[in-house]
PDB file of N, CA and C in Angstrom:
ATOM      1  N   MET A   1      -0.546  33.617 -10.901  1.00  0.00           N
ATOM      2  CA  MET A   1      -1.168  32.408 -10.387  1.00  0.00           C
ATOM      3  C   MET A   1      -1.635  31.591 -11.696  1.00  0.00           C
ATOM      4  N   THR A   2      -1.235  30.410 -11.732  1.00  0.00           N
ATOM      5  CA  THR A   2      -1.753  29.568 -12.925  1.00  0.00           C
ATOM      6  C   THR A   2      -3.025  28.794 -12.736  1.00  0.00           C
ATOM      7  N   PRO A   3      -3.740  28.783 -13.662  1.00  0.00           N
ATOM      8  CA  PRO A   3      -5.087  28.052 -13.542  1.00  0.00           C
ATOM      9  C   PRO A   3      -4.778  26.575 -13.283  1.00  0.00           C
ATOM     10  N   PRO A   4      -5.841  26.003 -12.766  1.00  0.00           N
ATOM     11  CA  PRO A   4      -5.559  24.522 -12.633  1.00  0.00           C
ATOM     12  C   PRO A   4      -5.613  23.768 -13.919  1.00  0.00           C
ATOM     13  N   ARG A   5      -4.935  22.739 -14.150  1.00  0.00           N
ATOM     14  CA  ARG A   5      -4.799  21.954 -15.267  1.00  0.00           C
ATOM     15  C   ARG A   5      -5.951  21.182 -15.489  1.00  0.00           C
ATOM     16  N   ASP A   6      -6.163  20.955 -16.726  1.00  0.00           N
ATOM     17  CA  ASP A   6      -7.341  20.260 -17.279  1.00  0.00           C
ATOM     18  C   ASP A   6      -7.138  18.749 -16.948  1.00  0.00           C
ATOM     19  N   SER A   7      -7.995  18.095 -16.391  1.00  0.00           N
ATOM     20  CA  SER A   7      -7.833  16.610 -16.133  1.00  0.00           C
ATOM     21  C   SER A   7      -7.598  15.777 -17.373  1.00  0.00           C
ATOM     22  N   ALA A   8      -8.188  16.151 -18.437  1.00  0.00           N
ATOM     23  CA  ALA A   8      -8.001  15.418 -19.733  1.00  0.00           C
ATOM     24  C   ALA A   8      -6.631  15.690 -20.313  1.00  0.00           C
ATOM     25  N   ARG A   9      -5.876  16.588 -19.909  1.00  0.00           N
ATOM     26  CA  ARG A   9      -4.571  16.694 -20.413  1.00  0.00           C
ATOM     27  C   ARG A   9      -3.481  16.127 -19.475  1.00  0.00           C
ATOM     28  N   GLU A  10      -3.870  15.555 -18.398  1.00  0.00           N
ATOM     29  CA  GLU A  10      -2.839  15.024 -17.388  1.00  0.00           C
ATOM     30  C   GLU A  10      -2.335  13.851 -18.029  1.00  0.00           C
ATOM     31  N   PRO A  11      -1.018  13.539 -17.638  1.00  0.00           N
ATOM     32  CA  PRO A  11      -0.434  12.492 -18.072  1.00  0.00           C
ATOM     33  C   PRO A  11      -1.075  11.128 -17.608  1.00  0.00           C
ATOM     34  N   SER A  12      -0.881  10.042 -18.404  1.00  0.00           N
ATOM     35  CA  SER A  12      -1.696   8.902 -17.955  1.00  0.00           C
ATOM     36  C   SER A  12      -1.334   8.378 -16.563  1.00  0.00           C
ATOM     37  N   ALA A  13      -0.150   8.577 -16.083  1.00  0.00           N
ATOM     38  CA  ALA A  13       0.197   8.204 -14.652  1.00  0.00           C
ATOM     39  C   ALA A  13      -0.615   8.963 -13.642  1.00  0.00           C
ATOM     40  N   GLY A  14      -1.065  10.028 -13.937  1.00  0.00           N
ATOM     41  CA  GLY A  14      -1.981  10.839 -13.138  1.00  0.00           C
ATOM     42  C   GLY A  14      -3.297  10.131 -12.775  1.00  0.00           C
ATOM     43  N   ARG A  15      -3.520   9.090 -13.605  1.00  0.00           N
ATOM     44  CA  ARG A  15      -5.005   8.445 -13.415  1.00  0.00           C
ATOM     45  C   ARG A  15      -4.595   7.112 -12.940  1.00  0.00           C
ATOM     46  N   TRP A  16      -3.548   6.463 -13.534  1.00  0.00           N
ATOM     47  CA  TRP A  16      -3.475   4.925 -12.862  1.00  0.00           C
ATOM     48  C   TRP A  16      -2.605   4.877 -11.704  1.00  0.00           C
ATOM     49  N   LEU A  17      -1.826   5.984 -11.317  1.00  0.00           N
ATOM     50  CA  LEU A  17      -1.188   5.697 -10.053  1.00  0.00           C
ATOM     51  C   LEU A  17      -2.063   5.759  -8.751  1.00  0.00           C
ATOM     52  N   PRO A  18      -2.985   6.710  -8.672  1.00  0.00           N
ATOM     53  CA  PRO A  18      -3.800   6.505  -7.579  1.00  0.00           C
ATOM     54  C   PRO A  18      -4.621   5.300  -7.486  1.00  0.00           C
ATOM     55  N   ALA A  19      -5.110   4.803  -8.606  1.00  0.00           N
ATOM     56  CA  ALA A  19      -5.870   3.594  -8.759  1.00  0.00           C
ATOM     57  C   ALA A  19      -5.166   2.380  -8.302  1.00  0.00           C
ATOM     58  N   VAL A  20      -3.894   2.385  -8.709  1.00  0.00           N
ATOM     59  CA  VAL A  20      -3.007   1.192  -8.317  1.00  0.00           C
ATOM     60  C   VAL A  20      -2.700   1.177  -6.818  1.00  0.00           C
ATOM     61  N   THR A  21      -2.525   2.527  -6.213  1.00  0.00           N
ATOM     62  CA  THR A  21      -2.252   2.623  -4.942  1.00  0.00           C
ATOM     63  C   THR A  21      -3.422   2.252  -4.027  1.00  0.00           C
ATOM     64  N   ALA A  22      -4.677   2.631  -4.547  1.00  0.00           N
ATOM     65  CA  ALA A  22      -5.821   2.330  -3.821  1.00  0.00           C
ATOM     66  C   ALA A  22      -6.077   0.785  -3.822  1.00  0.00           C
ATOM     67  N   LEU A  23      -5.684   0.230  -5.039  1.00  0.00           N
ATOM     68  CA  LEU A  23      -5.977  -1.333  -4.902  1.00  0.00           C
ATOM     69  C   LEU A  23      -4.959  -1.827  -4.009  1.00  0.00           C
ATOM     70  N   LEU A  24      -3.773  -1.402  -3.813  1.00  0.00           N
ATOM     71  CA  LEU A  24      -2.838  -1.951  -2.991  1.00  0.00           C
ATOM     72  C   LEU A  24      -3.293  -1.902  -1.608  1.00  0.00           C
ATOM     73  N   LEU A  25      -3.775  -0.657  -1.234  1.00  0.00           N
ATOM     74  CA  LEU A  25      -4.350  -0.503   0.105  1.00  0.00           C
ATOM     75  C   LEU A  25      -5.688  -1.399   0.394  1.00  0.00           C
ATOM     76  N   ALA A  26      -6.311  -1.572  -0.696  1.00  0.00           N
ATOM     77  CA  ALA A  26      -7.575  -2.448  -0.423  1.00  0.00           C
ATOM     78  C   ALA A  26      -7.260  -3.878  -0.225  1.00  0.00           C
ATOM     79  N   ALA A  27      -6.286  -4.307  -0.923  1.00  0.00           N
ATOM     80  CA  ALA A  27      -5.625  -5.614  -0.751  1.00  0.00           C
ATOM     81  C   ALA A  27      -5.065  -5.858   0.668  1.00  0.00           C
ATOM     82  N   TYR A  28      -4.389  -4.972   1.217  1.00  0.00           N
ATOM     83  CA  TYR A  28      -3.820  -4.941   2.538  1.00  0.00           C
ATOM     84  C   TYR A  28      -4.954  -4.898   3.571  1.00  0.00           C
ATOM     85  N   PHE A  29      -6.023  -4.187   3.159  1.00  0.00           N
ATOM     86  CA  PHE A  29      -7.116  -4.071   4.162  1.00  0.00           C
ATOM     87  C   PHE A  29      -7.963  -5.418   4.165  1.00  0.00           C
ATOM     88  N   CYS A  30      -7.948  -6.185   3.105  1.00  0.00           N
ATOM     89  CA  CYS A  30      -8.589  -7.291   2.876  1.00  0.00           C
ATOM     90  C   CYS A  30      -7.811  -8.436   3.830  1.00  0.00           C
ATOM     91  N   VAL A  31      -6.561  -8.437   3.790  1.00  0.00           N
ATOM     92  CA  VAL A  31      -5.679  -9.262   4.574  1.00  0.00           C
ATOM     93  C   VAL A  31      -6.063  -8.991   6.210  1.00  0.00           C
ATOM     94  N   VAL A  32      -6.070  -7.713   6.483  1.00  0.00           N
ATOM     95  CA  VAL A  32      -6.333  -7.318   7.822  1.00  0.00           C
ATOM     96  C   VAL A  32      -7.703  -7.839   8.217  1.00  0.00           C
ATOM     97  N   VAL A  33      -8.724  -7.682   7.502  1.00  0.00           N
ATOM     98  CA  VAL A  33     -10.021  -8.232   7.824  1.00  0.00           C
ATOM     99  C   VAL A  33     -10.134  -9.529   7.989  1.00  0.00           C
ATOM    100  N   TRP A  34      -9.440 -10.282   7.118  1.00  0.00           N
ATOM    101  CA  TRP A  34      -9.389 -11.672   7.233  1.00  0.00           C
ATOM    102  C   TRP A  34      -8.703 -12.062   8.617  1.00  0.00           C
ATOM    103  N   ALA A  35      -7.559 -11.411   9.054  1.00  0.00           N
ATOM    104  CA  ALA A  35      -6.969 -11.708  10.214  1.00  0.00           C
ATOM    105  C   ALA A  35      -7.908 -11.281  11.373  1.00  0.00           C
ATOM    106  N   TRP A  36      -8.716 -10.302  11.245  1.00  0.00           N
ATOM    107  CA  TRP A  36      -9.538  -9.907  12.369  1.00  0.00           C
ATOM    108  C   TRP A  36     -10.738 -11.030  12.509  1.00  0.00           C
ATOM    109  N   ALA A  37     -11.115 -11.635  11.350  1.00  0.00           N
ATOM    110  CA  ALA A  37     -12.233 -12.651  11.408  1.00  0.00           C
ATOM    111  C   ALA A  37     -11.829 -14.010  11.774  1.00  0.00           C
ATOM    112  N   SER A  38     -10.502 -14.282  11.699  1.00  0.00           N
ATOM    113  CA  SER A  38     -10.055 -15.667  11.967  1.00  0.00           C
ATOM    114  C   SER A  38     -10.265 -16.023  13.450  1.00  0.00           C
ATOM    115  N   PRO A  39     -10.916 -17.191  13.714  1.00  0.00           N
ATOM    116  CA  PRO A  39     -11.017 -17.575  15.110  1.00  0.00           C
ATOM    117  C   PRO A  39      -9.756 -18.104  15.736  1.00  0.00           C
ATOM    118  N   SER A  40      -9.581 -17.827  16.942  1.00  0.00           N
ATOM    119  CA  SER A  40      -8.488 -18.287  17.585  1.00  0.00           C
ATOM    120  C   SER A  40      -8.740 -18.431  19.177  1.00  0.00           C
ATOM    121  N   THR A  41      -8.073 -19.413  19.731  1.00  0.00           N
ATOM    122  CA  THR A  41      -8.119 -19.623  21.231  1.00  0.00           C
ATOM    123  C   THR A  41      -6.690 -19.354  21.828  1.00  0.00           C
ATOM    124  N   ASP A  42      -5.902 -18.874  21.147  1.00  0.00           N
ATOM    125  CA  ASP A  42      -4.398 -18.486  21.586  1.00  0.00           C
ATOM    126  C   ASP A  42      -4.664 -17.422  22.610  1.00  0.00           C
ATOM    127  N   PRO A  43      -3.879 -17.610  23.689  1.00  0.00           N
ATOM    128  CA  PRO A  43      -3.924 -16.490  24.723  1.00  0.00           C
ATOM    129  C   PRO A  43      -3.303 -15.138  24.406  1.00  0.00           C
ATOM    130  N   GLN A  44      -2.583 -15.202  23.302  1.00  0.00           N
ATOM    131  CA  GLN A  44      -1.937 -13.960  22.927  1.00  0.00           C
ATOM    132  C   GLN A  44      -2.870 -13.249  21.933  1.00  0.00           C
ATOM    133  N   ARG A  45      -4.080 -13.654  21.834  1.00  0.00           N
ATOM    134  CA  ARG A  45      -4.924 -12.967  21.029  1.00  0.00           C
ATOM    135  C   ARG A  45      -5.130 -11.578  21.121  1.00  0.00           C
ATOM    136  N   GLY A  46      -5.152 -11.097  22.518  1.00  0.00           N
ATOM    137  CA  GLY A  46      -5.191  -9.594  22.664  1.00  0.00           C
ATOM    138  C   GLY A  46      -4.072  -8.802  22.106  1.00  0.00           C
ATOM    139  N   MET A  47      -2.897  -9.239  22.263  1.00  0.00           N
ATOM    140  CA  MET A  47      -1.792  -8.638  21.577  1.00  0.00           C
ATOM    141  C   MET A  47      -1.815  -8.595  20.061  1.00  0.00           C
ATOM    142  N   ALA A  48      -2.489  -9.795  19.537  1.00  0.00           N
ATOM    143  CA  ALA A  48      -2.676  -9.777  17.995  1.00  0.00           C
ATOM    144  C   ALA A  48      -3.815  -8.571  17.633  1.00  0.00           C
ATOM    145  N   GLU A  49      -4.782  -8.568  18.483  1.00  0.00           N
ATOM    146  CA  GLU A  49      -5.878  -7.668  18.016  1.00  0.00           C
ATOM    147  C   GLU A  49      -5.273  -6.171  18.257  1.00  0.00           C
ATOM    148  N   GLY A  50      -4.559  -5.947  19.258  1.00  0.00           N
ATOM    149  CA  GLY A  50      -3.743  -4.627  19.368  1.00  0.00           C
ATOM    150  C   GLY A  50      -3.085  -4.285  18.148  1.00  0.00           C
ATOM    151  N   PHE A  51      -2.238  -5.238  17.643  1.00  0.00           N
ATOM    152  CA  PHE A  51      -1.379  -5.059  16.475  1.00  0.00           C
ATOM    153  C   PHE A  51      -2.408  -4.729  15.316  1.00  0.00           C
ATOM    154  N   LEU A  52      -3.391  -5.428  15.213  1.00  0.00           N
ATOM    155  CA  LEU A  52      -4.259  -5.423  14.033  1.00  0.00           C
ATOM    156  C   LEU A  52      -5.027  -4.132  14.039  1.00  0.00           C
ATOM    157  N   GLY A  53      -5.319  -3.628  15.276  1.00  0.00           N
ATOM    158  CA  GLY A  53      -5.924  -2.168  15.262  1.00  0.00           C
ATOM    159  C   GLY A  53      -4.992  -1.227  14.929  1.00  0.00           C
ATOM    160  N   LEU A  54      -3.640  -1.240  15.262  1.00  0.00           N
ATOM    161  CA  LEU A  54      -2.605  -0.444  14.807  1.00  0.00           C
ATOM    162  C   LEU A  54      -2.532  -0.418  13.339  1.00  0.00           C
ATOM    163  N   VAL A  55      -2.462  -1.561  12.698  1.00  0.00           N
ATOM    164  CA  VAL A  55      -2.208  -1.724  11.113  1.00  0.00           C
ATOM    165  C   VAL A  55      -3.509  -1.113  10.490  1.00  0.00           C
ATOM    166  N   THR A  56      -4.801  -1.441  11.016  1.00  0.00           N
ATOM    167  CA  THR A  56      -6.031  -0.875  10.554  1.00  0.00           C
ATOM    168  C   THR A  56      -5.937   0.623  10.510  1.00  0.00           C
ATOM    169  N   THR A  57      -5.444   1.260  11.636  1.00  0.00           N
ATOM    170  CA  THR A  57      -5.468   2.650  11.635  1.00  0.00           C
ATOM    171  C   THR A  57      -4.543   3.223  10.758  1.00  0.00           C
ATOM    172  N   LEU A  58      -3.309   2.628  10.491  1.00  0.00           N
ATOM    173  CA  LEU A  58      -2.276   2.941   9.498  1.00  0.00           C
ATOM    174  C   LEU A  58      -2.854   3.017   8.114  1.00  0.00           C
ATOM    175  N   LEU A  59      -3.580   1.949   7.823  1.00  0.00           N
ATOM    176  CA  LEU A  59      -4.050   1.818   6.486  1.00  0.00           C
ATOM    177  C   LEU A  59      -5.174   2.777   6.174  1.00  0.00           C
ATOM    178  N   LEU A  60      -5.881   3.222   7.214  1.00  0.00           N
ATOM    179  CA  LEU A  60      -6.961   4.062   7.036  1.00  0.00           C
ATOM    180  C   LEU A  60      -6.414   5.540   6.947  1.00  0.00           C
ATOM    181  N   VAL A  61      -5.348   5.782   7.659  1.00  0.00           N
ATOM    182  CA  VAL A  61      -4.535   6.968   7.625  1.00  0.00           C
ATOM    183  C   VAL A  61      -4.026   7.155   6.115  1.00  0.00           C
ATOM    184  N   LEU A  62      -3.391   6.094   5.708  1.00  0.00           N
ATOM    185  CA  LEU A  62      -2.739   6.158   4.296  1.00  0.00           C
ATOM    186  C   LEU A  62      -3.912   6.392   3.266  1.00  0.00           C
ATOM    187  N   ALA A  63      -5.051   5.775   3.390  1.00  0.00           N
ATOM    188  CA  ALA A  63      -6.094   5.909   2.501  1.00  0.00           C
ATOM    189  C   ALA A  63      -6.486   7.405   2.640  1.00  0.00           C
ATOM    190  N   GLY A  64      -6.595   7.982   3.700  1.00  0.00           N
ATOM    191  CA  GLY A  64      -6.957   9.404   3.801  1.00  0.00           C
ATOM    192  C   GLY A  64      -5.966  10.281   3.194  1.00  0.00           C
ATOM    193  N   VAL A  65      -4.618  10.042   3.527  1.00  0.00           N
ATOM    194  CA  VAL A  65      -3.633  10.863   2.826  1.00  0.00           C
ATOM    195  C   VAL A  65      -3.588  10.775   1.239  1.00  0.00           C
ATOM    196  N   LEU A  66      -3.980   9.514   0.744  1.00  0.00           N
ATOM    197  CA  LEU A  66      -4.137   9.436  -0.558  1.00  0.00           C
ATOM    198  C   LEU A  66      -5.271  10.095  -1.219  1.00  0.00           C
ATOM    199  N   TRP A  67      -6.377  10.125  -0.392  1.00  0.00           N
ATOM    200  CA  TRP A  67      -7.503  10.865  -0.917  1.00  0.00           C
ATOM    201  C   TRP A  67      -7.208  12.434  -0.979  1.00  0.00           C
ATOM    202  N   VAL A  68      -6.472  12.993   0.119  1.00  0.00           N
ATOM    203  CA  VAL A  68      -6.210  14.404   0.194  1.00  0.00           C
ATOM    204  C   VAL A  68      -5.107  14.573  -0.817  1.00  0.00           C
ATOM    205  N   ALA A  69      -4.278  13.769  -1.152  1.00  0.00           N
ATOM    206  CA  ALA A  69      -3.247  14.096  -2.291  1.00  0.00           C
ATOM    207  C   ALA A  69      -3.883  14.107  -3.668  1.00  0.00           C
ATOM    208  N   VAL A  70      -4.801  13.248  -3.879  1.00  0.00           N
ATOM    209  CA  VAL A  70      -5.620  13.224  -5.156  1.00  0.00           C
ATOM    210  C   VAL A  70      -6.399  14.423  -5.290  1.00  0.00           C
ATOM    211  N   ARG A  71      -7.011  14.766  -4.307  1.00  0.00           N
ATOM    212  CA  ARG A  71      -8.063  15.866  -4.194  1.00  0.00           C
ATOM    213  C   ARG A  71      -7.200  17.272  -4.482  1.00  0.00           C
ATOM    214  N   THR A  72      -6.189  17.423  -3.739  1.00  0.00           N
ATOM    215  CA  THR A  72      -5.442  18.537  -3.876  1.00  0.00           C
ATOM    216  C   THR A  72      -4.470  18.602  -4.945  1.00  0.00           C
ATOM    217  N   ARG A  73      -4.250  17.465  -5.736  1.00  0.00           N
ATOM    218  CA  ARG A  73      -3.274  17.222  -6.793  1.00  0.00           C
ATOM    219  C   ARG A  73      -1.971  17.480  -6.411  1.00  0.00           C
ATOM    220  N   ARG A  74      -1.554  16.871  -5.359  1.00  0.00           N
ATOM    221  CA  ARG A  74      -0.182  16.710  -4.799  1.00  0.00           C
ATOM    222  C   ARG A  74       0.432  15.458  -5.304  1.00  0.00           C
ATOM    223  N   ARG A  75       0.837  15.460  -6.495  1.00  0.00           N
ATOM    224  CA  ARG A  75       1.537  14.400  -7.183  1.00  0.00           C
ATOM    225  C   ARG A  75       2.606  13.683  -6.335  1.00  0.00           C
ATOM    226  N   TRP A  76       3.501  14.536  -5.749  1.00  0.00           N
ATOM    227  CA  TRP A  76       4.602  13.850  -4.903  1.00  0.00           C
ATOM    228  C   TRP A  76       4.006  13.206  -3.808  1.00  0.00           C
ATOM    229  N   LEU A  77       2.946  13.523  -3.238  1.00  0.00           N
ATOM    230  CA  LEU A  77       2.378  12.842  -2.122  1.00  0.00           C
ATOM    231  C   LEU A  77       1.732  11.494  -2.511  1.00  0.00           C
ATOM    232  N   VAL A  78       1.187  11.543  -3.644  1.00  0.00           N
ATOM    233  CA  VAL A  78       0.635  10.166  -4.126  1.00  0.00           C
ATOM    234  C   VAL A  78       1.795   9.318  -4.428  1.00  0.00           C
ATOM    235  N   TRP A  79       2.862   9.788  -4.855  1.00  0.00           N
ATOM    236  CA  TRP A  79       3.985   8.970  -4.994  1.00  0.00           C
ATOM    237  C   TRP A  79       4.540   8.148  -3.765  1.00  0.00           C
ATOM    238  N   VAL A  80       4.528   9.193  -2.760  1.00  0.00           N
ATOM    239  CA  VAL A  80       5.038   8.785  -1.352  1.00  0.00           C
ATOM    240  C   VAL A  80       4.260   7.628  -0.782  1.00  0.00           C
ATOM    241  N   VAL A  81       2.829   7.806  -0.995  1.00  0.00           N
ATOM    242  CA  VAL A  81       1.930   6.821  -0.532  1.00  0.00           C
ATOM    243  C   VAL A  81       1.899   5.676  -1.408  1.00  0.00           C
ATOM    244  N   PHE A  82       2.056   5.712  -2.672  1.00  0.00           N
ATOM    245  CA  PHE A  82       2.401   4.575  -3.519  1.00  0.00           C
ATOM    246  C   PHE A  82       3.434   3.701  -3.150  1.00  0.00           C
ATOM    247  N   TRP A  83       4.577   4.416  -2.817  1.00  0.00           N
ATOM    248  CA  TRP A  83       6.103   3.594  -2.496  1.00  0.00           C
ATOM    249  C   TRP A  83       5.790   3.068  -0.919  1.00  0.00           C
ATOM    250  N   MET A  84       4.973   3.645  -0.200  1.00  0.00           N
ATOM    251  CA  MET A  84       4.966   2.970   1.092  1.00  0.00           C
ATOM    252  C   MET A  84       3.896   1.806   0.926  1.00  0.00           C
ATOM    253  N   CYS A  85       3.129   1.830   0.012  1.00  0.00           N
ATOM    254  CA  CYS A  85       2.267   0.587  -0.251  1.00  0.00           C
ATOM    255  C   CYS A  85       2.878  -0.538  -0.969  1.00  0.00           C
ATOM    256  N   ALA A  86       3.811   0.073  -2.078  1.00  0.00           N
ATOM    257  CA  ALA A  86       4.421  -1.058  -2.939  1.00  0.00           C
ATOM    258  C   ALA A  86       5.607  -1.586  -2.367  1.00  0.00           C
ATOM    259  N   TRP A  87       6.248  -1.016  -1.498  1.00  0.00           N
ATOM    260  CA  TRP A  87       7.563  -1.455  -0.911  1.00  0.00           C
ATOM    261  C   TRP A  87       7.411  -2.906  -0.323  1.00  0.00           C
ATOM    262  N   PRO A  88       6.357  -3.239   0.563  1.00  0.00           N
ATOM    263  CA  PRO A  88       6.164  -4.373   1.238  1.00  0.00           C
ATOM    264  C   PRO A  88       5.815  -5.479   0.145  1.00  0.00           C
ATOM    265  N   ALA A  89       5.079  -5.018  -1.053  1.00  0.00           N
ATOM    266  CA  ALA A  89       4.746  -6.037  -1.867  1.00  0.00           C
ATOM    267  C   ALA A  89       6.008  -6.524  -2.814  1.00  0.00           C
ATOM    268  N   LEU A  90       6.900  -5.510  -3.023  1.00  0.00           N
ATOM    269  CA  LEU A  90       7.951  -5.789  -3.889  1.00  0.00           C
ATOM    270  C   LEU A  90       9.141  -6.507  -3.274  1.00  0.00           C
ATOM    271  N   THR A  91       9.390  -6.342  -2.027  1.00  0.00           N
ATOM    272  CA  THR A  91      10.454  -6.877  -1.158  1.00  0.00           C
ATOM    273  C   THR A  91      10.482  -8.270  -1.376  1.00  0.00           C
ATOM    274  N   PRO A  92       9.586  -9.157  -1.111  1.00  0.00           N
ATOM    275  CA  PRO A  92       9.627 -10.588  -1.239  1.00  0.00           C
ATOM    276  C   PRO A  92      10.055 -10.993  -2.697  1.00  0.00           C
ATOM    277  N   PHE A  93       9.489 -10.303  -3.784  1.00  0.00           N
ATOM    278  CA  PHE A  93       9.956 -10.560  -5.049  1.00  0.00           C
ATOM    279  C   PHE A  93      11.404 -10.298  -5.457  1.00  0.00           C
ATOM    280  N   ALA A  94      11.871  -9.195  -4.852  1.00  0.00           N
ATOM    281  CA  ALA A  94      13.316  -9.013  -5.044  1.00  0.00           C
ATOM    282  C   ALA A  94      14.178 -10.074  -4.419  1.00  0.00           C
ATOM    283  N   ARG A  95      13.740 -10.369  -3.162  1.00  0.00           N
ATOM    284  CA  ARG A  95      14.548 -11.410  -2.462  1.00  0.00           C
ATOM    285  C   ARG A  95      14.360 -12.770  -3.206  1.00  0.00           C
ATOM    286  N   GLY A  96      13.384 -13.168  -3.837  1.00  0.00           N
ATOM    287  CA  GLY A  96      13.263 -14.368  -4.599  1.00  0.00           C
ATOM    288  C   GLY A  96      14.108 -14.284  -5.844  1.00  0.00           C
ATOM    289  N   VAL A  97      14.280 -13.150  -6.411  1.00  0.00           N
ATOM    290  CA  VAL A  97      15.169 -12.945  -7.691  1.00  0.00           C
ATOM    291  C   VAL A  97      16.637 -13.154  -7.134  1.00  0.00           C
ATOM    292  N   TYR A  98      17.033 -12.538  -5.999  1.00  0.00           N
ATOM    293  CA  TYR A  98      18.310 -12.646  -5.560  1.00  0.00           C
ATOM    294  C   TYR A  98      18.636 -14.137  -5.159  1.00  0.00           C
ATOM    295  N   LEU A  99      17.704 -14.841  -4.516  1.00  0.00           N
ATOM    296  CA  LEU A  99      17.906 -16.190  -4.197  1.00  0.00           C
ATOM    297  C   LEU A  99      18.094 -17.053  -5.488  1.00  0.00           C
ATOM    298  N   LEU A 100      17.266 -16.823  -6.425  1.00  0.00           N
ATOM    299  CA  LEU A 100      17.188 -17.505  -7.674  1.00  0.00           C
ATOM    300  C   LEU A 100      18.587 -17.324  -8.417  1.00  0.00           C
ATOM    301  N   VAL A 101      19.193 -16.013  -8.490  1.00  0.00           N
ATOM    302  CA  VAL A 101      20.397 -15.805  -9.106  1.00  0.00           C
ATOM    303  C   VAL A 101      21.560 -16.497  -8.313  1.00  0.00           C
ATOM    304  N   ARG A 102      21.543 -16.563  -6.897  1.00  0.00           N
ATOM    305  CA  ARG A 102      22.572 -17.197  -6.235  1.00  0.00           C
ATOM    306  C   ARG A 102      22.560 -18.691  -6.441  1.00  0.00           C
ATOM    307  N   TRP A 103      21.209 -19.289  -6.573  1.00  0.00           N
ATOM    308  CA  TRP A 103      21.109 -20.681  -6.766  1.00  0.00           C
ATOM    309  C   TRP A 103      21.827 -21.025  -8.138  1.00  0.00           C
ATOM    310  N   ALA A 104      21.258 -20.178  -9.135  1.00  0.00           N
ATOM    311  CA  ALA A 104      21.865 -20.354 -10.527  1.00  0.00           C
ATOM    312  C   ALA A 104      23.365 -20.351 -10.619  1.00  0.00           C
ATOM    313  N   ARG A 105      24.125 -19.462  -9.851  1.00  0.00           N
ATOM    314  CA  ARG A 105      25.451 -19.462  -9.827  1.00  0.00           C
ATOM    315  C   ARG A 105      26.140 -20.664  -9.140  1.00  0.00           C
ATOM    316  N   GLY A 106      25.447 -21.301  -8.325  1.00  0.00           N
ATOM    317  CA  GLY A 106      25.848 -22.443  -7.711  1.00  0.00           C
ATOM    318  C   GLY A 106      26.465 -21.994  -6.176  1.00  0.00           C
ATOM    319  N   GLY A 107      26.066 -20.791  -5.772  1.00  0.00           N
ATOM    320  CA  GLY A 107      26.604 -20.243  -4.535  1.00  0.00           C
ATOM    321  C   GLY A 107      25.540 -20.405  -3.529  1.00  0.00           C
TER     322      GLY A 107
END
């Protein structure tokens, strides 16, 4: 059985990756709170609130999984949660680069 690693000897990614993931989760949660607080008279408001409830639950579950992963030092699980949070943020950027390259080539 190996002793637990000293946190001072962890690689730098061991400290910044959970922090970046938590910041992404907090940003997504701020968007959801903003959507909850927006006034609306739309008759489909009930469906929107149901979806927001689902998204809120998903974000809270991801935050809980991130906490468990950091607490138990499951680095692979931190990476899984990070990629689940980073993928939606990076997809529009990649699409923009693709469209810019297509436009630059004249196609």
